[in-house]
PDB file of N, CA and C in Angstrom:
ATOM      1  N   UNK A   1     -40.182 219.351 107.217  1.00  0.00           N
ATOM      2  CA  UNK A   1     -40.702 218.929 108.506  1.00  0.00           C
ATOM      3  C   UNK A   1     -39.735 219.380 109.606  1.00  0.00           C
ATOM      4  N   UNK A   2     -40.315 219.852 110.689  1.00  0.00           N
ATOM      5  CA  UNK A   2     -39.550 220.273 111.865  1.00  0.00           C
ATOM      6  C   UNK A   2     -40.204 219.637 113.091  1.00  0.00           C
ATOM      7  N   UNK A   3     -39.469 219.609 114.185  1.00  0.00           N
ATOM      8  CA  UNK A   3     -39.982 219.056 115.438  1.00  0.00           C
ATOM      9  C   UNK A   3     -40.164 220.177 116.450  1.00  0.00           C
ATOM     10  N   UNK A   4     -41.325 220.249 117.061  1.00  0.00           N
ATOM     11  CA  UNK A   4     -41.606 221.218 118.121  1.00  0.00           C
ATOM     12  C   UNK A   4     -40.798 220.829 119.356  1.00  0.00           C
ATOM     13  N   UNK A   5     -40.028 221.775 119.912  1.00  0.00           N
ATOM     14  CA  UNK A   5     -39.223 221.452 121.091  1.00  0.00           C
ATOM     15  C   UNK A   5     -40.078 221.349 122.346  1.00  0.00           C
ATOM     16  N   UNK A   6     -41.335 221.762 122.264  1.00  0.00           N
ATOM     17  CA  UNK A   6     -42.240 221.649 123.404  1.00  0.00           C
ATOM     18  C   UNK A   6     -42.906 220.285 123.479  1.00  0.00           C
ATOM     19  N   UNK A   7     -43.752 219.998 122.498  1.00  0.00           N
ATOM     20  CA  UNK A   7     -44.526 218.748 122.524  1.00  0.00           C
ATOM     21  C   UNK A   7     -43.811 217.596 121.810  1.00  0.00           C
ATOM     22  N   UNK A   8     -42.723 217.900 121.103  1.00  0.00           N
ATOM     23  CA  UNK A   8     -41.910 216.910 120.383  1.00  0.00           C
ATOM     24  C   UNK A   8     -42.636 216.270 119.193  1.00  0.00           C
ATOM     25  N   UNK A   9     -43.696 216.910 118.696  1.00  0.00           N
ATOM     26  CA  UNK A   9     -44.400 216.402 117.517  1.00  0.00           C
ATOM     27  C   UNK A   9     -43.832 217.059 116.269  1.00  0.00           C
ATOM     28  N   UNK A  10     -43.768 216.285 115.191  1.00  0.00           N
ATOM     29  CA  UNK A  10     -43.273 216.798 113.916  1.00  0.00           C
ATOM     30  C   UNK A  10     -44.419 217.480 113.173  1.00  0.00           C
ATOM     31  N   UNK A  11     -44.079 218.578 112.509  1.00  0.00           N
ATOM     32  CA  UNK A  11     -45.093 219.315 111.764  1.00  0.00           C
ATOM     33  C   UNK A  11     -44.407 220.072 110.631  1.00  0.00           C
ATOM     34  N   UNK A  12     -45.209 220.620 109.748  1.00  0.00           N
ATOM     35  CA  UNK A  12     -44.677 221.417 108.655  1.00  0.00           C
ATOM     36  C   UNK A  12     -44.032 222.691 109.200  1.00  0.00           C
ATOM     37  N   UNK A  13     -43.027 223.147 108.485  1.00  0.00           N
ATOM     38  CA  UNK A  13     -42.334 224.369 108.883  1.00  0.00           C
ATOM     39  C   UNK A  13     -43.304 225.549 108.967  1.00  0.00           C
ATOM     40  N   UNK A  14     -44.269 225.591 108.076  1.00  0.00           N
ATOM     41  CA  UNK A  14     -45.234 226.690 108.049  1.00  0.00           C
ATOM     42  C   UNK A  14     -46.178 226.683 109.255  1.00  0.00           C
ATOM     43  N   UNK A  15     -46.298 225.557 109.939  1.00  0.00           N
ATOM     44  CA  UNK A  15     -47.189 225.454 111.096  1.00  0.00           C
ATOM     45  C   UNK A  15     -46.478 225.762 112.414  1.00  0.00           C
ATOM     46  N   UNK A  16     -45.154 225.931 112.360  1.00  0.00           N
ATOM     47  CA  UNK A  16     -44.363 226.156 113.563  1.00  0.00           C
ATOM     48  C   UNK A  16     -43.805 227.573 113.586  1.00  0.00           C
ATOM     49  N   UNK A  17     -43.395 228.006 114.764  1.00  0.00           N
ATOM     50  CA  UNK A  17     -42.802 229.320 114.966  1.00  0.00           C
ATOM     51  C   UNK A  17     -41.327 229.128 115.294  1.00  0.00           C
ATOM     52  N   UNK A  18     -40.474 229.858 114.581  1.00  0.00           N
ATOM     53  CA  UNK A  18     -39.030 229.733 114.807  1.00  0.00           C
ATOM     54  C   UNK A  18     -38.602 230.714 115.886  1.00  0.00           C
ATOM     55  N   UNK A  19     -37.781 230.240 116.823  1.00  0.00           N
ATOM     56  CA  UNK A  19     -37.234 231.063 117.890  1.00  0.00           C
ATOM     57  C   UNK A  19     -35.740 231.197 117.674  1.00  0.00           C
ATOM     58  N   UNK A  20     -35.204 232.394 117.861  1.00  0.00           N
ATOM     59  CA  UNK A  20     -33.768 232.642 117.733  1.00  0.00           C
ATOM     60  C   UNK A  20     -33.308 233.532 118.868  1.00  0.00           C
ATOM     61  N   UNK A  21     -31.999 233.521 119.115  1.00  0.00           N
ATOM     62  CA  UNK A  21     -31.425 234.438 120.089  1.00  0.00           C
ATOM     63  C   UNK A  21     -31.350 235.824 119.471  1.00  0.00           C
ATOM     64  N   UNK A  22     -31.647 236.836 120.284  1.00  0.00           N
ATOM     65  CA  UNK A  22     -31.528 238.208 119.819  1.00  0.00           C
ATOM     66  C   UNK A  22     -30.058 238.518 119.582  1.00  0.00           C
ATOM     67  N   UNK A  23     -29.754 239.310 118.594  1.00  0.00           N
ATOM     68  CA  UNK A  23     -28.366 239.630 118.263  1.00  0.00           C
ATOM     69  C   UNK A  23     -27.663 240.260 119.463  1.00  0.00           C
ATOM     70  N   UNK A  24     -26.388 239.950 119.636  1.00  0.00           N
ATOM     71  CA  UNK A  24     -25.628 240.347 120.826  1.00  0.00           C
ATOM     72  C   UNK A  24     -25.575 241.856 121.039  1.00  0.00           C
ATOM     73  N   UNK A  25     -25.611 242.659 119.974  1.00  0.00           N
ATOM     74  CA  UNK A  25     -25.580 244.110 120.123  1.00  0.00           C
ATOM     75  C   UNK A  25     -26.834 244.665 120.764  1.00  0.00           C
ATOM     76  N   UNK A  26     -27.940 243.941 120.663  1.00  0.00           N
ATOM     77  CA  UNK A  26     -29.216 244.413 121.198  1.00  0.00           C
ATOM     78  C   UNK A  26     -29.523 243.857 122.582  1.00  0.00           C
ATOM     79  N   UNK A  27     -28.672 242.960 123.079  1.00  0.00           N
ATOM     80  CA  UNK A  27     -28.963 242.257 124.321  1.00  0.00           C
ATOM     81  C   UNK A  27     -28.278 242.952 125.496  1.00  0.00           C
ATOM     82  N   UNK A  28     -29.055 243.363 126.525  1.00  0.00           N
ATOM     83  CA  UNK A  28     -28.416 243.889 127.727  1.00  0.00           C
ATOM     84  C   UNK A  28     -27.768 242.742 128.506  1.00  0.00           C
ATOM     85  N   UNK A  29     -26.938 243.093 129.461  1.00  0.00           N
ATOM     86  CA  UNK A  29     -26.302 242.055 130.277  1.00  0.00           C
ATOM     87  C   UNK A  29     -27.358 241.248 131.014  1.00  0.00           C
ATOM     88  N   UNK A  30     -27.075 239.988 131.229  1.00  0.00           N
ATOM     89  CA  UNK A  30     -28.025 239.098 131.893  1.00  0.00           C
ATOM     90  C   UNK A  30     -28.327 237.903 131.028  1.00  0.00           C
ATOM     91  N   UNK A  31     -29.537 237.408 131.132  1.00  0.00           N
ATOM     92  CA  UNK A  31     -29.930 236.229 130.371  1.00  0.00           C
ATOM     93  C   UNK A  31     -30.032 236.546 128.885  1.00  0.00           C
ATOM     94  N   UNK A  32     -29.621 235.605 128.039  1.00  0.00           N
ATOM     95  CA  UNK A  32     -29.843 235.789 126.603  1.00  0.00           C
ATOM     96  C   UNK A  32     -31.339 235.845 126.318  1.00  0.00           C
ATOM     97  N   UNK A  33     -31.739 236.705 125.413  1.00  0.00           N
ATOM     98  CA  UNK A  33     -33.158 236.883 125.108  1.00  0.00           C
ATOM     99  C   UNK A  33     -33.519 236.154 123.825  1.00  0.00           C
ATOM    100  N   UNK A  34     -34.603 235.400 123.879  1.00  0.00           N
ATOM    101  CA  UNK A  34     -35.101 234.662 122.724  1.00  0.00           C
ATOM    102  C   UNK A  34     -36.270 235.441 122.138  1.00  0.00           C
ATOM    103  N   UNK A  35     -36.291 235.565 120.813  1.00  0.00           N
ATOM    104  CA  UNK A  35     -37.365 236.287 120.128  1.00  0.00           C
ATOM    105  C   UNK A  35     -37.982 235.389 119.063  1.00  0.00           C
ATOM    106  N   UNK A  36     -39.203 235.715 118.684  1.00  0.00           N
ATOM    107  CA  UNK A  36     -39.890 234.979 117.627  1.00  0.00           C
ATOM    108  C   UNK A  36     -39.413 235.486 116.273  1.00  0.00           C
ATOM    109  N   UNK A  37     -39.063 234.569 115.401  1.00  0.00           N
ATOM    110  CA  UNK A  37     -38.643 234.890 114.043  1.00  0.00           C
ATOM    111  C   UNK A  37     -39.806 234.540 113.115  1.00  0.00           C
ATOM    112  N   UNK A  38     -40.738 235.461 112.977  1.00  0.00           N
ATOM    113  CA  UNK A  38     -41.977 235.212 112.246  1.00  0.00           C
ATOM    114  C   UNK A  38     -41.700 234.908 110.776  1.00  0.00           C
ATOM    115  N   UNK A  39     -40.789 235.632 110.164  1.00  0.00           N
ATOM    116  CA  UNK A  39     -40.480 235.421 108.748  1.00  0.00           C
ATOM    117  C   UNK A  39     -39.539 234.248 108.515  1.00  0.00           C
ATOM    118  N   UNK A  40     -38.867 233.804 109.558  1.00  0.00           N
ATOM    119  CA  UNK A  40     -37.940 232.688 109.407  1.00  0.00           C
ATOM    120  C   UNK A  40     -36.667 233.060 108.685  1.00  0.00           C
ATOM    121  N   UNK A  41     -36.254 234.333 108.788  1.00  0.00           N
ATOM    122  CA  UNK A  41     -35.096 234.793 108.033  1.00  0.00           C
ATOM    123  C   UNK A  41     -33.968 235.357 108.889  1.00  0.00           C
ATOM    124  N   UNK A  42     -34.137 235.388 110.196  1.00  0.00           N
ATOM    125  CA  UNK A  42     -33.082 235.932 111.056  1.00  0.00           C
ATOM    126  C   UNK A  42     -31.909 234.964 111.090  1.00  0.00           C
ATOM    127  N   UNK A  43     -30.710 235.507 111.230  1.00  0.00           N
ATOM    128  CA  UNK A  43     -29.535 234.632 111.246  1.00  0.00           C
ATOM    129  C   UNK A  43     -29.405 233.876 112.562  1.00  0.00           C
ATOM    130  N   UNK A  44     -28.702 232.779 112.514  1.00  0.00           N
ATOM    131  CA  UNK A  44     -28.428 232.008 113.719  1.00  0.00           C
ATOM    132  C   UNK A  44     -29.225 230.730 113.799  1.00  0.00           C
ATOM    133  N   UNK A  45     -28.891 229.986 114.817  1.00  0.00           N
ATOM    134  CA  UNK A  45     -29.541 228.710 115.061  1.00  0.00           C
ATOM    135  C   UNK A  45     -30.963 228.947 115.553  1.00  0.00           C
ATOM    136  N   UNK A  46     -31.887 228.115 115.147  1.00  0.00           N
ATOM    137  CA  UNK A  46     -33.279 228.288 115.531  1.00  0.00           C
ATOM    138  C   UNK A  46     -33.839 227.082 116.261  1.00  0.00           C
ATOM    139  N   UNK A  47     -34.861 227.333 117.061  1.00  0.00           N
ATOM    140  CA  UNK A  47     -35.645 226.288 117.719  1.00  0.00           C
ATOM    141  C   UNK A  47     -37.079 226.485 117.254  1.00  0.00           C
ATOM    142  N   UNK A  48     -37.808 225.423 117.093  1.00  0.00           N
ATOM    143  CA  UNK A  48     -39.161 225.488 116.529  1.00  0.00           C
ATOM    144  C   UNK A  48     -40.194 225.043 117.557  1.00  0.00           C
ATOM    145  N   UNK A  49     -41.303 225.798 117.657  1.00  0.00           N
ATOM    146  CA  UNK A  49     -42.418 225.423 118.531  1.00  0.00           C
ATOM    147  C   UNK A  49     -43.729 225.681 117.796  1.00  0.00           C
ATOM    148  N   UNK A  50     -44.782 224.999 118.243  1.00  0.00           N
ATOM    149  CA  UNK A  50     -46.123 225.344 117.765  1.00  0.00           C
ATOM    150  C   UNK A  50     -46.466 226.705 118.368  1.00  0.00           C
ATOM    151  N   UNK A  51     -47.130 227.573 117.650  1.00  0.00           N
ATOM    152  CA  UNK A  51     -47.416 228.919 118.152  1.00  0.00           C
ATOM    153  C   UNK A  51     -48.560 228.959 119.167  1.00  0.00           C
ATOM    154  N   UNK A  52     -48.450 228.147 120.200  1.00  0.00           N
ATOM    155  CA  UNK A  52     -49.411 228.138 121.303  1.00  0.00           C
ATOM    156  C   UNK A  52     -48.630 228.181 122.607  1.00  0.00           C
ATOM    157  N   UNK A  53     -49.223 228.795 123.613  1.00  0.00           N
ATOM    158  CA  UNK A  53     -48.512 228.957 124.884  1.00  0.00           C
ATOM    159  C   UNK A  53     -48.249 227.618 125.583  1.00  0.00           C
ATOM    160  N   UNK A  54     -49.081 226.618 125.342  1.00  0.00           N
ATOM    161  CA  UNK A  54     -48.876 225.317 125.988  1.00  0.00           C
ATOM    162  C   UNK A  54     -47.546 224.691 125.561  1.00  0.00           C
ATOM    163  N   UNK A  55     -47.217 224.777 124.279  1.00  0.00           N
ATOM    164  CA  UNK A  55     -45.942 224.221 123.800  1.00  0.00           C
ATOM    165  C   UNK A  55     -44.766 225.027 124.332  1.00  0.00           C
ATOM    166  N   UNK A  56     -44.916 226.347 124.427  1.00  0.00           N
ATOM    167  CA  UNK A  56     -43.836 227.171 124.968  1.00  0.00           C
ATOM    168  C   UNK A  56     -43.592 226.844 126.431  1.00  0.00           C
ATOM    169  N   UNK A  57     -44.656 226.691 127.211  1.00  0.00           N
ATOM    170  CA  UNK A  57     -44.498 226.374 128.625  1.00  0.00           C
ATOM    171  C   UNK A  57     -43.877 224.987 128.816  1.00  0.00           C
ATOM    172  N   UNK A  58     -44.275 224.044 127.997  1.00  0.00           N
ATOM    173  CA  UNK A  58     -43.690 222.703 128.062  1.00  0.00           C
ATOM    174  C   UNK A  58     -42.205 222.752 127.708  1.00  0.00           C
ATOM    175  N   UNK A  59     -41.852 223.505 126.688  1.00  0.00           N
ATOM    176  CA  UNK A  59     -40.443 223.653 126.302  1.00  0.00           C
ATOM    177  C   UNK A  59     -39.648 224.336 127.400  1.00  0.00           C
ATOM    178  N   UNK A  60     -40.255 225.319 128.055  1.00  0.00           N
ATOM    179  CA  UNK A  60     -39.580 226.028 129.147  1.00  0.00           C
ATOM    180  C   UNK A  60     -39.354 225.097 130.337  1.00  0.00           C
ATOM    181  N   UNK A  61     -40.367 224.311 130.678  1.00  0.00           N
ATOM    182  CA  UNK A  61     -40.238 223.361 131.794  1.00  0.00           C
ATOM    183  C   UNK A  61     -39.156 222.327 131.538  1.00  0.00           C
ATOM    184  N   UNK A  62     -39.067 221.869 130.297  1.00  0.00           N
ATOM    185  CA  UNK A  62     -38.088 220.845 129.932  1.00  0.00           C
ATOM    186  C   UNK A  62     -36.707 221.426 129.629  1.00  0.00           C
ATOM    187  N   UNK A  63     -36.603 222.779 129.656  1.00  0.00           N
ATOM    188  CA  UNK A  63     -35.357 223.481 129.305  1.00  0.00           C
ATOM    189  C   UNK A  63     -34.893 223.125 127.898  1.00  0.00           C
ATOM    190  N   UNK A  64     -35.859 222.955 126.998  1.00  0.00           N
ATOM    191  CA  UNK A  64     -35.565 222.518 125.634  1.00  0.00           C
ATOM    192  C   UNK A  64     -35.083 223.654 124.737  1.00  0.00           C
ATOM    193  N   UNK A  65     -35.514 224.885 124.995  1.00  0.00           N
ATOM    194  CA  UNK A  65     -35.127 225.991 124.127  1.00  0.00           C
ATOM    195  C   UNK A  65     -33.626 226.279 124.230  1.00  0.00           C
ATOM    196  N   UNK A  66     -33.067 226.434 125.439  1.00  0.00           N
ATOM    197  CA  UNK A  66     -31.615 226.662 125.498  1.00  0.00           C
ATOM    198  C   UNK A  66     -30.813 225.492 124.918  1.00  0.00           C
ATOM    199  N   UNK A  67     -31.308 224.304 125.113  1.00  0.00           N
ATOM    200  CA  UNK A  67     -30.608 223.124 124.578  1.00  0.00           C
ATOM    201  C   UNK A  67     -30.638 223.131 123.045  1.00  0.00           C
ATOM    202  N   UNK A  68     -31.782 223.466 122.457  1.00  0.00           N
ATOM    203  CA  UNK A  68     -31.898 223.505 121.006  1.00  0.00           C
ATOM    204  C   UNK A  68     -31.057 224.633 120.401  1.00  0.00           C
ATOM    205  N   UNK A  69     -30.944 225.741 121.128  1.00  0.00           N
ATOM    206  CA  UNK A  69     -30.154 226.871 120.645  1.00  0.00           C
ATOM    207  C   UNK A  69     -28.682 226.767 121.044  1.00  0.00           C
ATOM    208  N   UNK A  70     -28.365 225.721 121.775  1.00  0.00           N
ATOM    209  CA  UNK A  70     -26.991 225.471 122.242  1.00  0.00           C
ATOM    210  C   UNK A  70     -26.453 226.628 123.079  1.00  0.00           C
ATOM    211  N   UNK A  71     -27.247 226.997 124.088  1.00  0.00           N
ATOM    212  CA  UNK A  71     -26.894 228.057 125.026  1.00  0.00           C
ATOM    213  C   UNK A  71     -26.814 227.435 126.411  1.00  0.00           C
ATOM    214  N   UNK A  72     -25.805 227.815 127.176  1.00  0.00           N
ATOM    215  CA  UNK A  72     -25.729 227.320 128.548  1.00  0.00           C
ATOM    216  C   UNK A  72     -26.502 228.262 129.455  1.00  0.00           C
ATOM    217  N   UNK A  73     -27.220 227.701 130.382  1.00  0.00           N
ATOM    218  CA  UNK A  73     -27.991 228.492 131.324  1.00  0.00           C
ATOM    219  C   UNK A  73     -29.367 228.857 130.810  1.00  0.00           C
ATOM    220  N   UNK A  74     -30.137 229.554 131.638  1.00  0.00           N
ATOM    221  CA  UNK A  74     -31.513 229.911 131.274  1.00  0.00           C
ATOM    222  C   UNK A  74     -31.547 231.032 130.236  1.00  0.00           C
ATOM    223  N   UNK A  75     -32.673 231.137 129.540  1.00  0.00           N
ATOM    224  CA  UNK A  75     -32.888 232.201 128.556  1.00  0.00           C
ATOM    225  C   UNK A  75     -34.174 232.940 128.899  1.00  0.00           C
ATOM    226  N   UNK A  76     -34.277 234.168 128.430  1.00  0.00           N
ATOM    227  CA  UNK A  76     -35.450 235.004 128.665  1.00  0.00           C
ATOM    228  C   UNK A  76     -36.460 234.766 127.537  1.00  0.00           C
ATOM    229  N   UNK A  77     -37.614 234.209 127.867  1.00  0.00           N
ATOM    230  CA  UNK A  77     -38.655 233.907 126.885  1.00  0.00           C
ATOM    231  C   UNK A  77     -39.801 234.912 126.906  1.00  0.00           C
ATOM    232  N   UNK A  78     -39.620 236.048 127.591  1.00  0.00           N
ATOM    233  CA  UNK A  78     -40.698 237.033 127.728  1.00  0.00           C
ATOM    234  C   UNK A  78     -41.158 237.570 126.376  1.00  0.00           C
ATOM    235  N   UNK A  79     -40.233 237.804 125.470  1.00  0.00           N
ATOM    236  CA  UNK A  79     -40.594 238.311 124.148  1.00  0.00           C
ATOM    237  C   UNK A  79     -41.453 237.339 123.368  1.00  0.00           C
ATOM    238  N   UNK A  80     -41.161 236.057 123.499  1.00  0.00           N
ATOM    239  CA  UNK A  80     -41.938 235.031 122.803  1.00  0.00           C
ATOM    240  C   UNK A  80     -43.326 234.931 123.430  1.00  0.00           C
ATOM    241  N   UNK A  81     -43.390 235.004 124.757  1.00  0.00           N
ATOM    242  CA  UNK A  81     -44.701 234.971 125.431  1.00  0.00           C
ATOM    243  C   UNK A  81     -45.568 236.141 124.985  1.00  0.00           C
ATOM    244  N   UNK A  82     -44.961 237.334 124.894  1.00  0.00           N
ATOM    245  CA  UNK A  82     -45.706 238.513 124.440  1.00  0.00           C
ATOM    246  C   UNK A  82     -46.214 238.316 123.013  1.00  0.00           C
ATOM    247  N   UNK A  83     -45.374 237.758 122.165  1.00  0.00           N
ATOM    248  CA  UNK A  83     -45.768 237.513 120.772  1.00  0.00           C
ATOM    249  C   UNK A  83     -46.966 236.552 120.707  1.00  0.00           C
ATOM    250  N   UNK A  84     -46.923 235.488 121.498  1.00  0.00           N
ATOM    251  CA  UNK A  84     -48.022 234.516 121.489  1.00  0.00           C
ATOM    252  C   UNK A  84     -49.307 235.121 122.040  1.00  0.00           C
ATOM    253  N   UNK A  85     -49.192 235.980 123.063  1.00  0.00           N
ATOM    254  CA  UNK A  85     -50.378 236.632 123.624  1.00  0.00           C
ATOM    255  C   UNK A  85     -51.013 237.566 122.584  1.00  0.00           C
ATOM    256  N   UNK A  86     -50.191 238.271 121.814  1.00  0.00           N
ATOM    257  CA  UNK A  86     -50.714 239.165 120.781  1.00  0.00           C
ATOM    258  C   UNK A  86     -51.430 238.385 119.694  1.00  0.00           C
ATOM    259  N   UNK A  87     -50.929 237.197 119.377  1.00  0.00           N
ATOM    260  CA  UNK A  87     -51.580 236.376 118.362  1.00  0.00           C
ATOM    261  C   UNK A  87     -52.932 235.871 118.837  1.00  0.00           C
ATOM    262  N   UNK A  88     -53.062 235.610 120.132  1.00  0.00           N
ATOM    263  CA  UNK A  88     -54.311 235.081 120.674  1.00  0.00           C
ATOM    264  C   UNK A  88     -55.439 236.121 120.656  1.00  0.00           C
ATOM    265  N   UNK A  89     -55.092 237.386 120.597  1.00  0.00           N
ATOM    266  CA  UNK A  89     -56.110 238.445 120.648  1.00  0.00           C
ATOM    267  C   UNK A  89     -56.877 238.544 119.383  1.00  0.00           C
TER     268      UNK A  89
END
């Protein structure tokens, strides 16, 4: 069981999407970039959300993703938004 950082509801790991920080070698200067870890195998600390844009927006408004990943300051969620939009198609 994991907790969605957006809606704060508990759900099975298989029903949630894991978010991780992109590795430092791939990150340009600026905000840390968060990516979707579809397989759940990327290294590092993860944050979990339901794979719907409503939970991502709620997590972004509450600043829950940087807090869950233990990052100071804002993070770039564009990659996760793109991933969710592709799933909706």
